[in-house]
């Protein structure tokens, strides 16, 4: 973890400053500043556009009852791209713009998804007994054989609570 923080906060800024100085020496100060601002503006515009498209895709999948795992990873990659594009410098702008390419995002999403096991959460179910205790049950079909089944009471239909109400201000 220390190495990662060292790279992010020490090495990358040194590289950025070096590249900015070299580009500034070739193009001049004001064109260099203009290019950095322009890339941040264009990048933020594209991140916003692709982020809205990803959000729409997430909403569509959730409405269909599907898990939007690809879209969640894509959203995180777009967040990183936005942070990199807003950070002044050419190296971070290049990295941020490369994350806006759909093929790069899909490759990153595939590698992230290979490390995440989403099936284990879908295969298990959790049940509560009348004392509020939680127990885990692997197979929903075998619930009748559970030792906790005797404590579970069926829900009552059309149960009405009657009472009086007095408002005190």
N, C-alpha and C. Protein backbone atom coordinates (compact mmCIF):
# COMPACT_ATOMS: atom_id res chain seq x y z
N UNK A 1 0.82 -1.19 0.00
CA UNK A 1 0.00 0.00 0.00
C UNK A 1 0.87 1.26 0.00
N UNK A 2 1.97 1.20 0.74
CA UNK A 2 2.88 2.34 0.79
C UNK A 2 3.46 2.64 -0.59
N UNK A 3 3.78 1.60 -1.33
CA UNK A 3 4.34 1.80 -2.67
C UNK A 3 3.34 2.49 -3.58
N UNK A 4 2.08 2.08 -3.49
CA UNK A 4 1.04 2.68 -4.31
C UNK A 4 0.85 4.16 -3.97
N UNK A 5 0.80 4.48 -2.69
CA UNK A 5 0.69 5.88 -2.27
C UNK A 5 1.92 6.68 -2.67
N UNK A 6 3.08 6.06 -2.57
CA UNK A 6 4.32 6.73 -2.96
C UNK A 6 4.28 7.08 -4.45
N UNK A 7 3.80 6.15 -5.26
CA UNK A 7 3.71 6.40 -6.70
C UNK A 7 2.71 7.52 -6.98
N UNK A 8 1.54 7.47 -6.34
CA UNK A 8 0.50 8.46 -6.61
C UNK A 8 0.88 9.86 -6.16
N UNK A 9 1.53 9.98 -5.02
CA UNK A 9 1.77 11.31 -4.46
C UNK A 9 3.18 11.85 -4.67
N UNK A 10 4.12 11.03 -5.09
CA UNK A 10 5.49 11.51 -5.28
C UNK A 10 5.93 11.34 -6.73
N UNK A 11 5.87 10.15 -7.25
CA UNK A 11 6.42 9.86 -8.58
C UNK A 11 5.60 10.54 -9.69
N UNK A 12 4.27 10.38 -9.67
CA UNK A 12 3.44 10.94 -10.74
C UNK A 12 3.52 12.47 -10.77
N UNK A 13 3.46 13.18 -9.64
CA UNK A 13 3.64 14.64 -9.72
C UNK A 13 5.00 15.07 -10.26
N UNK A 14 6.05 14.34 -9.93
CA UNK A 14 7.38 14.67 -10.47
C UNK A 14 7.39 14.49 -11.98
N UNK A 15 6.80 13.40 -12.46
CA UNK A 15 6.71 13.18 -13.91
C UNK A 15 5.88 14.27 -14.56
N UNK A 16 4.75 14.63 -13.95
CA UNK A 16 3.89 15.68 -14.49
C UNK A 16 4.62 17.03 -14.58
N UNK A 17 5.32 17.39 -13.54
CA UNK A 17 6.05 18.66 -13.54
C UNK A 17 7.11 18.66 -14.62
N UNK A 18 7.82 17.55 -14.77
CA UNK A 18 8.86 17.45 -15.80
C UNK A 18 8.26 17.60 -17.19
N UNK A 19 7.17 16.89 -17.46
CA UNK A 19 6.53 16.97 -18.78
C UNK A 19 5.98 18.37 -19.02
N UNK A 20 5.35 18.97 -18.01
CA UNK A 20 4.82 20.33 -18.16
C UNK A 20 5.94 21.34 -18.45
N UNK A 21 7.07 21.19 -17.80
CA UNK A 21 8.19 22.10 -18.05
C UNK A 21 8.73 21.93 -19.46
N UNK A 22 8.84 20.69 -19.94
CA UNK A 22 9.36 20.45 -21.28
C UNK A 22 8.40 20.95 -22.35
N UNK A 23 7.09 20.70 -22.17
CA UNK A 23 6.11 21.19 -23.13
C UNK A 23 6.05 22.72 -23.07
N UNK A 24 6.13 23.29 -21.89
CA UNK A 24 6.13 24.74 -21.74
C UNK A 24 7.35 25.37 -22.40
N UNK A 25 8.49 24.71 -22.36
CA UNK A 25 9.69 25.24 -23.01
C UNK A 25 9.55 25.22 -24.53
N UNK A 26 8.84 24.23 -25.06
CA UNK A 26 8.67 24.13 -26.51
C UNK A 26 7.54 25.04 -27.00
N UNK A 27 6.38 25.00 -26.35
CA UNK A 27 5.22 25.74 -26.82
C UNK A 27 5.07 27.12 -26.18
N UNK A 28 5.56 27.29 -25.00
CA UNK A 28 5.35 28.52 -24.25
C UNK A 28 4.39 28.26 -23.09
N UNK A 29 4.31 29.24 -22.18
CA UNK A 29 3.52 29.06 -20.97
C UNK A 29 2.03 29.04 -21.27
N UNK A 30 1.54 30.06 -21.98
CA UNK A 30 0.09 30.18 -22.19
C UNK A 30 -0.48 29.08 -23.07
N UNK A 31 0.16 28.67 -24.13
CA UNK A 31 -0.39 27.52 -24.88
C UNK A 31 -0.42 26.23 -24.06
N UNK A 32 0.59 26.04 -23.22
CA UNK A 32 0.61 24.85 -22.37
C UNK A 32 -0.55 24.87 -21.38
N UNK A 33 -0.78 26.02 -20.75
CA UNK A 33 -1.90 26.14 -19.82
C UNK A 33 -3.22 25.94 -20.55
N UNK A 34 -3.33 26.50 -21.76
CA UNK A 34 -4.56 26.35 -22.54
C UNK A 34 -4.81 24.89 -22.91
N UNK A 35 -3.78 24.16 -23.25
CA UNK A 35 -3.94 22.75 -23.59
C UNK A 35 -4.38 21.94 -22.38
N UNK A 36 -3.80 22.22 -21.22
CA UNK A 36 -4.17 21.51 -19.99
C UNK A 36 -5.63 21.79 -19.65
N UNK A 37 -6.05 23.05 -19.74
CA UNK A 37 -7.44 23.40 -19.45
C UNK A 37 -8.38 22.77 -20.47
N UNK A 38 -8.01 22.80 -21.74
CA UNK A 38 -8.85 22.23 -22.79
C UNK A 38 -9.03 20.72 -22.62
N UNK A 39 -7.95 20.03 -22.32
CA UNK A 39 -8.09 18.57 -22.13
C UNK A 39 -8.94 18.25 -20.91
N UNK A 40 -8.82 19.05 -19.84
CA UNK A 40 -9.66 18.81 -18.66
C UNK A 40 -11.13 19.06 -19.00
N UNK A 41 -11.44 20.11 -19.76
CA UNK A 41 -12.82 20.43 -20.13
C UNK A 41 -13.41 19.36 -21.04
N UNK A 42 -12.68 18.99 -22.09
CA UNK A 42 -13.17 17.96 -23.02
C UNK A 42 -13.33 16.62 -22.31
N UNK A 43 -12.37 16.27 -21.49
CA UNK A 43 -12.44 15.01 -20.75
C UNK A 43 -13.62 14.98 -19.80
N UNK A 44 -13.85 16.07 -19.08
CA UNK A 44 -14.98 16.13 -18.16
C UNK A 44 -16.30 16.02 -18.92
N UNK A 45 -16.36 16.62 -20.09
CA UNK A 45 -17.56 16.55 -20.92
C UNK A 45 -17.85 15.10 -21.34
N UNK A 46 -16.81 14.39 -21.78
CA UNK A 46 -17.00 13.00 -22.20
C UNK A 46 -17.26 12.07 -21.03
N UNK A 47 -16.63 12.33 -19.90
CA UNK A 47 -16.90 11.52 -18.70
C UNK A 47 -18.35 11.67 -18.29
N UNK A 48 -18.86 12.89 -18.32
CA UNK A 48 -20.26 13.14 -17.98
C UNK A 48 -21.19 12.41 -18.94
N UNK A 49 -20.89 12.52 -20.22
CA UNK A 49 -21.73 11.88 -21.24
C UNK A 49 -21.76 10.36 -21.07
N UNK A 50 -20.60 9.76 -20.91
CA UNK A 50 -20.54 8.31 -20.76
C UNK A 50 -21.05 7.87 -19.40
N UNK A 51 -20.91 8.70 -18.38
CA UNK A 51 -21.45 8.39 -17.07
C UNK A 51 -22.97 8.36 -17.08
N UNK A 52 -23.59 9.28 -17.80
CA UNK A 52 -25.05 9.28 -17.91
C UNK A 52 -25.52 8.04 -18.66
N UNK A 53 -24.80 7.67 -19.72
CA UNK A 53 -25.16 6.45 -20.46
C UNK A 53 -25.03 5.22 -19.57
N UNK A 54 -24.00 5.17 -18.75
CA UNK A 54 -23.81 4.05 -17.83
C UNK A 54 -24.92 4.01 -16.78
N UNK A 55 -25.30 5.18 -16.25
CA UNK A 55 -26.38 5.24 -15.27
C UNK A 55 -27.69 4.75 -15.88
N UNK A 56 -27.98 5.14 -17.11
CA UNK A 56 -29.19 4.66 -17.79
C UNK A 56 -29.16 3.15 -17.96
N UNK A 57 -27.99 2.61 -18.28
CA UNK A 57 -27.85 1.16 -18.43
C UNK A 57 -28.06 0.44 -17.09
N UNK A 58 -27.56 1.03 -16.01
CA UNK A 58 -27.76 0.45 -14.67
C UNK A 58 -29.24 0.42 -14.33
N UNK A 59 -29.94 1.51 -14.60
CA UNK A 59 -31.37 1.57 -14.29
C UNK A 59 -32.16 0.58 -15.13
N UNK A 60 -31.79 0.41 -16.38
CA UNK A 60 -32.48 -0.55 -17.25
C UNK A 60 -32.28 -1.97 -16.74
N UNK A 61 -31.04 -2.32 -16.40
CA UNK A 61 -30.77 -3.68 -15.92
C UNK A 61 -31.47 -3.95 -14.59
N UNK A 62 -31.48 -2.97 -13.70
CA UNK A 62 -32.14 -3.17 -12.41
C UNK A 62 -33.65 -3.29 -12.60
N UNK A 63 -34.22 -2.56 -13.55
CA UNK A 63 -35.66 -2.68 -13.82
C UNK A 63 -35.99 -4.06 -14.37
N UNK A 64 -35.04 -4.68 -15.05
CA UNK A 64 -35.24 -6.02 -15.59
C UNK A 64 -34.91 -7.10 -14.56
N UNK A 65 -34.45 -6.70 -13.39
CA UNK A 65 -34.13 -7.66 -12.33
C UNK A 65 -32.76 -8.29 -12.47
N UNK A 66 -31.87 -7.67 -13.25
CA UNK A 66 -30.52 -8.19 -13.45
C UNK A 66 -29.53 -7.40 -12.60
N UNK A 67 -28.42 -8.04 -12.29
CA UNK A 67 -27.35 -7.38 -11.55
C UNK A 67 -26.48 -6.59 -12.51
N UNK A 68 -26.36 -5.27 -12.35
CA UNK A 68 -25.57 -4.47 -13.29
C UNK A 68 -24.08 -4.41 -12.91
N UNK A 69 -23.44 -5.56 -12.81
CA UNK A 69 -22.04 -5.59 -12.35
C UNK A 69 -21.10 -4.93 -13.34
N UNK A 70 -21.30 -5.15 -14.64
CA UNK A 70 -20.44 -4.50 -15.64
C UNK A 70 -20.56 -2.99 -15.55
N UNK A 71 -21.76 -2.51 -15.38
CA UNK A 71 -22.00 -1.07 -15.34
C UNK A 71 -21.43 -0.44 -14.07
N UNK A 72 -21.45 -1.17 -12.98
CA UNK A 72 -20.88 -0.64 -11.73
C UNK A 72 -19.38 -0.47 -11.88
N UNK A 73 -18.72 -1.47 -12.44
CA UNK A 73 -17.27 -1.37 -12.66
C UNK A 73 -16.97 -0.26 -13.66
N UNK A 74 -17.78 -0.16 -14.71
CA UNK A 74 -17.59 0.91 -15.69
C UNK A 74 -17.74 2.28 -15.04
N UNK A 75 -18.71 2.42 -14.15
CA UNK A 75 -18.89 3.68 -13.44
C UNK A 75 -17.69 4.03 -12.58
N UNK A 76 -17.10 3.03 -11.93
CA UNK A 76 -15.90 3.29 -11.12
C UNK A 76 -14.72 3.69 -12.00
N UNK A 77 -14.58 3.04 -13.15
CA UNK A 77 -13.50 3.39 -14.07
C UNK A 77 -13.70 4.81 -14.59
N UNK A 78 -14.95 5.18 -14.89
CA UNK A 78 -15.23 6.54 -15.34
C UNK A 78 -14.94 7.56 -14.24
N UNK A 79 -15.18 7.20 -12.99
CA UNK A 79 -14.85 8.08 -11.88
C UNK A 79 -13.34 8.32 -11.82
N UNK A 80 -12.57 7.26 -11.96
CA UNK A 80 -11.12 7.39 -11.97
C UNK A 80 -10.68 8.23 -13.17
N UNK A 81 -11.30 8.02 -14.33
CA UNK A 81 -10.97 8.81 -15.52
C UNK A 81 -11.24 10.29 -15.28
N UNK A 82 -12.36 10.59 -14.64
CA UNK A 82 -12.68 11.98 -14.35
C UNK A 82 -11.68 12.62 -13.42
N UNK A 83 -11.26 11.90 -12.39
CA UNK A 83 -10.26 12.44 -11.46
C UNK A 83 -8.94 12.67 -12.19
N UNK A 84 -8.55 11.74 -13.04
CA UNK A 84 -7.29 11.89 -13.78
C UNK A 84 -7.36 13.06 -14.76
N UNK A 85 -8.51 13.26 -15.40
CA UNK A 85 -8.63 14.34 -16.37
C UNK A 85 -8.67 15.71 -15.71
N UNK A 86 -9.23 15.81 -14.53
CA UNK A 86 -9.29 17.10 -13.85
C UNK A 86 -7.93 17.45 -13.24
N UNK A 87 -7.12 16.45 -12.93
CA UNK A 87 -5.79 16.69 -12.41
C UNK A 87 -4.93 17.32 -13.51
N UNK A 88 -4.30 18.47 -13.23
CA UNK A 88 -3.52 19.12 -14.28
C UNK A 88 -2.29 18.32 -14.66
N UNK A 89 -2.06 18.18 -15.94
CA UNK A 89 -0.88 17.50 -16.44
C UNK A 89 -1.20 16.66 -17.65
N UNK A 90 -0.18 16.38 -18.42
CA UNK A 90 -0.36 15.63 -19.66
C UNK A 90 -0.41 14.13 -19.44
N UNK A 91 0.35 13.63 -18.50
CA UNK A 91 0.39 12.18 -18.25
C UNK A 91 -0.96 11.72 -17.68
N UNK A 92 -1.47 12.43 -16.69
CA UNK A 92 -2.76 12.04 -16.13
C UNK A 92 -3.89 12.24 -17.14
N UNK A 93 -3.78 13.28 -17.99
CA UNK A 93 -4.78 13.47 -19.05
C UNK A 93 -4.74 12.31 -20.04
N UNK A 94 -3.56 11.85 -20.39
CA UNK A 94 -3.44 10.72 -21.30
C UNK A 94 -4.04 9.46 -20.67
N UNK A 95 -3.75 9.22 -19.41
CA UNK A 95 -4.32 8.05 -18.73
C UNK A 95 -5.84 8.16 -18.62
N UNK A 96 -6.33 9.35 -18.27
CA UNK A 96 -7.77 9.56 -18.16
C UNK A 96 -8.48 9.40 -19.50
N UNK A 97 -7.90 9.95 -20.56
CA UNK A 97 -8.51 9.81 -21.89
C UNK A 97 -8.48 8.36 -22.36
N UNK A 98 -7.44 7.63 -21.99
CA UNK A 98 -7.39 6.21 -22.38
C UNK A 98 -8.47 5.40 -21.68
N UNK A 99 -8.86 5.82 -20.46
CA UNK A 99 -9.95 5.12 -19.76
C UNK A 99 -11.31 5.42 -20.37
N UNK A 100 -11.41 6.43 -21.21
CA UNK A 100 -12.67 6.74 -21.89
C UNK A 100 -12.90 5.85 -23.12
N UNK A 101 -11.88 5.12 -23.53
CA UNK A 101 -12.02 4.21 -24.67
C UNK A 101 -12.77 2.96 -24.19
N UNK A 102 -13.90 2.62 -24.85
CA UNK A 102 -14.71 1.48 -24.37
C UNK A 102 -13.94 0.16 -24.29
N UNK A 103 -13.04 -0.11 -25.22
CA UNK A 103 -12.29 -1.38 -25.19
C UNK A 103 -11.40 -1.46 -23.94
N UNK A 104 -10.80 -0.34 -23.57
CA UNK A 104 -9.94 -0.31 -22.37
C UNK A 104 -10.80 -0.54 -21.13
N UNK A 105 -11.96 0.13 -21.07
CA UNK A 105 -12.85 -0.04 -19.93
C UNK A 105 -13.35 -1.48 -19.82
N UNK A 106 -13.68 -2.10 -20.95
CA UNK A 106 -14.17 -3.48 -20.92
C UNK A 106 -13.08 -4.43 -20.45
N UNK A 107 -11.84 -4.18 -20.85
CA UNK A 107 -10.73 -5.02 -20.39
C UNK A 107 -10.54 -4.89 -18.89
N UNK A 108 -10.60 -3.67 -18.38
CA UNK A 108 -10.46 -3.45 -16.95
C UNK A 108 -11.63 -4.07 -16.20
N UNK A 109 -12.84 -3.90 -16.73
CA UNK A 109 -14.03 -4.48 -16.09
C UNK A 109 -13.94 -6.00 -16.05
N UNK A 110 -13.44 -6.61 -17.11
CA UNK A 110 -13.28 -8.06 -17.13
C UNK A 110 -12.28 -8.55 -16.10
N UNK A 111 -11.19 -7.82 -15.94
CA UNK A 111 -10.19 -8.24 -14.95
C UNK A 111 -10.70 -8.03 -13.53
N UNK A 112 -11.46 -6.96 -13.31
CA UNK A 112 -12.02 -6.72 -11.97
C UNK A 112 -13.07 -7.78 -11.65
N UNK A 113 -13.92 -8.09 -12.61
CA UNK A 113 -14.97 -9.09 -12.38
C UNK A 113 -14.41 -10.48 -12.13
N UNK A 114 -13.25 -10.77 -12.70
CA UNK A 114 -12.67 -12.08 -12.46
C UNK A 114 -12.21 -12.24 -11.00
N UNK A 115 -11.96 -11.12 -10.33
CA UNK A 115 -11.53 -11.16 -8.93
C UNK A 115 -12.70 -11.11 -7.96
N UNK A 116 -13.87 -10.83 -8.45
CA UNK A 116 -15.04 -10.71 -7.58
C UNK A 116 -15.95 -11.91 -7.79
N UNK A 117 -16.33 -12.54 -6.72
CA UNK A 117 -17.23 -13.69 -6.83
C UNK A 117 -18.62 -13.24 -6.41
N UNK A 118 -19.50 -13.03 -7.40
CA UNK A 118 -20.84 -12.57 -7.09
C UNK A 118 -21.82 -13.72 -6.90
N UNK A 119 -21.44 -14.91 -7.28
CA UNK A 119 -22.37 -16.04 -7.19
C UNK A 119 -22.64 -16.47 -5.75
N UNK A 120 -21.68 -16.28 -4.85
CA UNK A 120 -21.89 -16.77 -3.49
C UNK A 120 -23.02 -16.03 -2.80
N UNK A 121 -23.17 -14.75 -3.07
CA UNK A 121 -24.26 -14.00 -2.45
C UNK A 121 -25.61 -14.40 -3.03
N UNK A 122 -25.66 -14.82 -4.28
CA UNK A 122 -26.92 -15.19 -4.91
C UNK A 122 -27.37 -16.59 -4.52
N UNK A 123 -26.47 -17.45 -4.10
CA UNK A 123 -26.82 -18.84 -3.81
C UNK A 123 -27.27 -19.06 -2.38
N UNK A 124 -27.07 -18.10 -1.50
CA UNK A 124 -27.44 -18.27 -0.11
C UNK A 124 -28.64 -17.41 0.21
N UNK A 125 -29.43 -17.89 1.14
CA UNK A 125 -30.57 -17.09 1.60
C UNK A 125 -30.49 -16.98 3.11
N UNK A 126 -31.01 -15.90 3.64
CA UNK A 126 -30.99 -15.66 5.07
C UNK A 126 -32.42 -15.60 5.57
N UNK A 127 -32.67 -16.15 6.74
CA UNK A 127 -34.00 -16.21 7.31
C UNK A 127 -33.94 -15.71 8.74
N UNK A 128 -35.05 -15.17 9.21
CA UNK A 128 -35.15 -14.67 10.57
C UNK A 128 -36.18 -15.50 11.32
N UNK A 129 -35.89 -15.79 12.59
CA UNK A 129 -36.91 -16.45 13.40
C UNK A 129 -37.59 -15.41 14.27
N UNK A 130 -38.54 -15.81 15.08
CA UNK A 130 -39.35 -14.84 15.81
C UNK A 130 -38.57 -14.12 16.92
N UNK A 131 -37.40 -14.61 17.30
CA UNK A 131 -36.59 -13.89 18.26
C UNK A 131 -35.66 -12.89 17.59
N UNK A 132 -35.69 -12.81 16.27
CA UNK A 132 -34.85 -11.87 15.55
C UNK A 132 -33.48 -12.42 15.23
N UNK A 133 -33.23 -13.70 15.51
CA UNK A 133 -31.95 -14.30 15.21
C UNK A 133 -31.87 -14.62 13.72
N UNK A 134 -30.70 -14.52 13.18
CA UNK A 134 -30.49 -14.78 11.76
C UNK A 134 -29.79 -16.11 11.61
N UNK A 135 -30.26 -16.90 10.67
CA UNK A 135 -29.52 -18.11 10.34
C UNK A 135 -29.42 -18.19 8.84
N UNK A 136 -28.36 -18.84 8.39
CA UNK A 136 -28.09 -18.96 6.97
C UNK A 136 -28.51 -20.34 6.50
N UNK A 137 -29.12 -20.40 5.36
CA UNK A 137 -29.60 -21.67 4.83
C UNK A 137 -29.16 -21.77 3.38
N UNK A 138 -28.45 -22.83 3.02
CA UNK A 138 -27.90 -22.98 1.68
C UNK A 138 -28.96 -23.23 0.63
N UNK A 139 -29.87 -24.14 0.88
CA UNK A 139 -30.83 -24.54 -0.14
C UNK A 139 -32.22 -24.17 0.34
N UNK A 140 -32.89 -23.35 -0.43
CA UNK A 140 -34.21 -22.88 -0.05
C UNK A 140 -35.22 -24.04 -0.06
N UNK A 141 -35.02 -25.04 -0.88
CA UNK A 141 -35.95 -26.16 -0.98
C UNK A 141 -35.97 -27.00 0.29
N UNK A 142 -34.89 -26.99 1.08
CA UNK A 142 -34.81 -27.81 2.28
C UNK A 142 -35.21 -27.05 3.54
N UNK A 143 -35.97 -25.97 3.43
CA UNK A 143 -36.32 -25.17 4.59
C UNK A 143 -37.18 -25.93 5.59
N UNK A 144 -37.99 -26.89 5.15
CA UNK A 144 -38.87 -27.62 6.05
C UNK A 144 -38.07 -28.42 7.07
N UNK A 145 -36.87 -28.85 6.69
CA UNK A 145 -36.06 -29.68 7.56
C UNK A 145 -35.21 -28.85 8.53
N UNK A 146 -35.33 -27.55 8.47
CA UNK A 146 -34.51 -26.69 9.29
C UNK A 146 -34.98 -26.76 10.75
N UNK A 147 -34.06 -26.79 11.72
CA UNK A 147 -34.47 -26.81 13.13
C UNK A 147 -35.10 -25.49 13.55
N UNK A 148 -34.92 -24.45 12.80
CA UNK A 148 -35.47 -23.15 13.13
C UNK A 148 -36.86 -22.94 12.55
N UNK A 149 -37.33 -23.85 11.71
CA UNK A 149 -38.61 -23.69 11.03
C UNK A 149 -39.77 -23.62 12.03
N UNK A 150 -39.66 -24.29 13.16
CA UNK A 150 -40.74 -24.29 14.14
C UNK A 150 -40.95 -22.90 14.74
N UNK A 151 -39.90 -22.06 14.75
CA UNK A 151 -40.00 -20.73 15.34
C UNK A 151 -40.53 -19.69 14.37
N UNK A 152 -40.56 -20.00 13.09
CA UNK A 152 -41.00 -19.03 12.10
C UNK A 152 -42.52 -19.08 11.99
N UNK A 153 -43.12 -17.95 12.16
CA UNK A 153 -44.57 -17.89 12.07
C UNK A 153 -44.96 -17.30 10.73
N UNK A 154 -46.02 -17.84 10.13
CA UNK A 154 -46.43 -17.31 8.83
C UNK A 154 -46.99 -15.90 8.99
N UNK A 155 -46.85 -15.07 7.95
CA UNK A 155 -47.38 -13.71 8.04
C UNK A 155 -48.90 -13.73 8.08
N UNK A 156 -49.47 -12.86 8.86
CA UNK A 156 -50.92 -12.76 8.98
C UNK A 156 -51.44 -11.82 7.91
N UNK A 157 -52.49 -12.26 7.23
CA UNK A 157 -53.08 -11.43 6.19
C UNK A 157 -54.08 -10.48 6.82
N UNK A 158 -54.12 -9.29 6.33
CA UNK A 158 -55.08 -8.26 6.71
C UNK A 158 -55.11 -8.03 8.22
N UNK A 159 -53.94 -7.97 8.82
CA UNK A 159 -53.87 -7.70 10.25
C UNK A 159 -54.03 -6.20 10.44
N UNK A 160 -55.01 -5.80 11.26
CA UNK A 160 -55.31 -4.40 11.48
C UNK A 160 -54.96 -4.02 12.90
N UNK A 161 -54.28 -2.92 13.03
CA UNK A 161 -53.96 -2.39 14.35
C UNK A 161 -54.93 -1.24 14.61
N UNK A 162 -55.55 -1.25 15.77
CA UNK A 162 -56.53 -0.24 16.11
C UNK A 162 -56.00 0.56 17.29
N UNK A 163 -56.17 1.86 17.26
CA UNK A 163 -55.70 2.68 18.36
C UNK A 163 -56.18 4.09 18.21
N UNK A 164 -55.82 4.91 19.20
CA UNK A 164 -56.21 6.32 19.16
C UNK A 164 -54.97 7.16 19.06
N UNK A 165 -55.19 8.35 18.54
CA UNK A 165 -54.07 9.26 18.28
C UNK A 165 -54.44 10.64 18.80
N UNK A 166 -53.51 11.25 19.51
CA UNK A 166 -53.72 12.62 19.98
C UNK A 166 -52.47 13.41 19.66
N UNK A 167 -52.63 14.53 18.99
CA UNK A 167 -51.51 15.35 18.59
C UNK A 167 -51.19 16.38 19.67
N UNK A 168 -49.94 16.45 20.07
CA UNK A 168 -49.50 17.42 21.07
C UNK A 168 -48.41 18.28 20.44
N UNK A 169 -48.72 19.56 20.33
CA UNK A 169 -47.76 20.49 19.71
C UNK A 169 -46.95 21.24 20.72
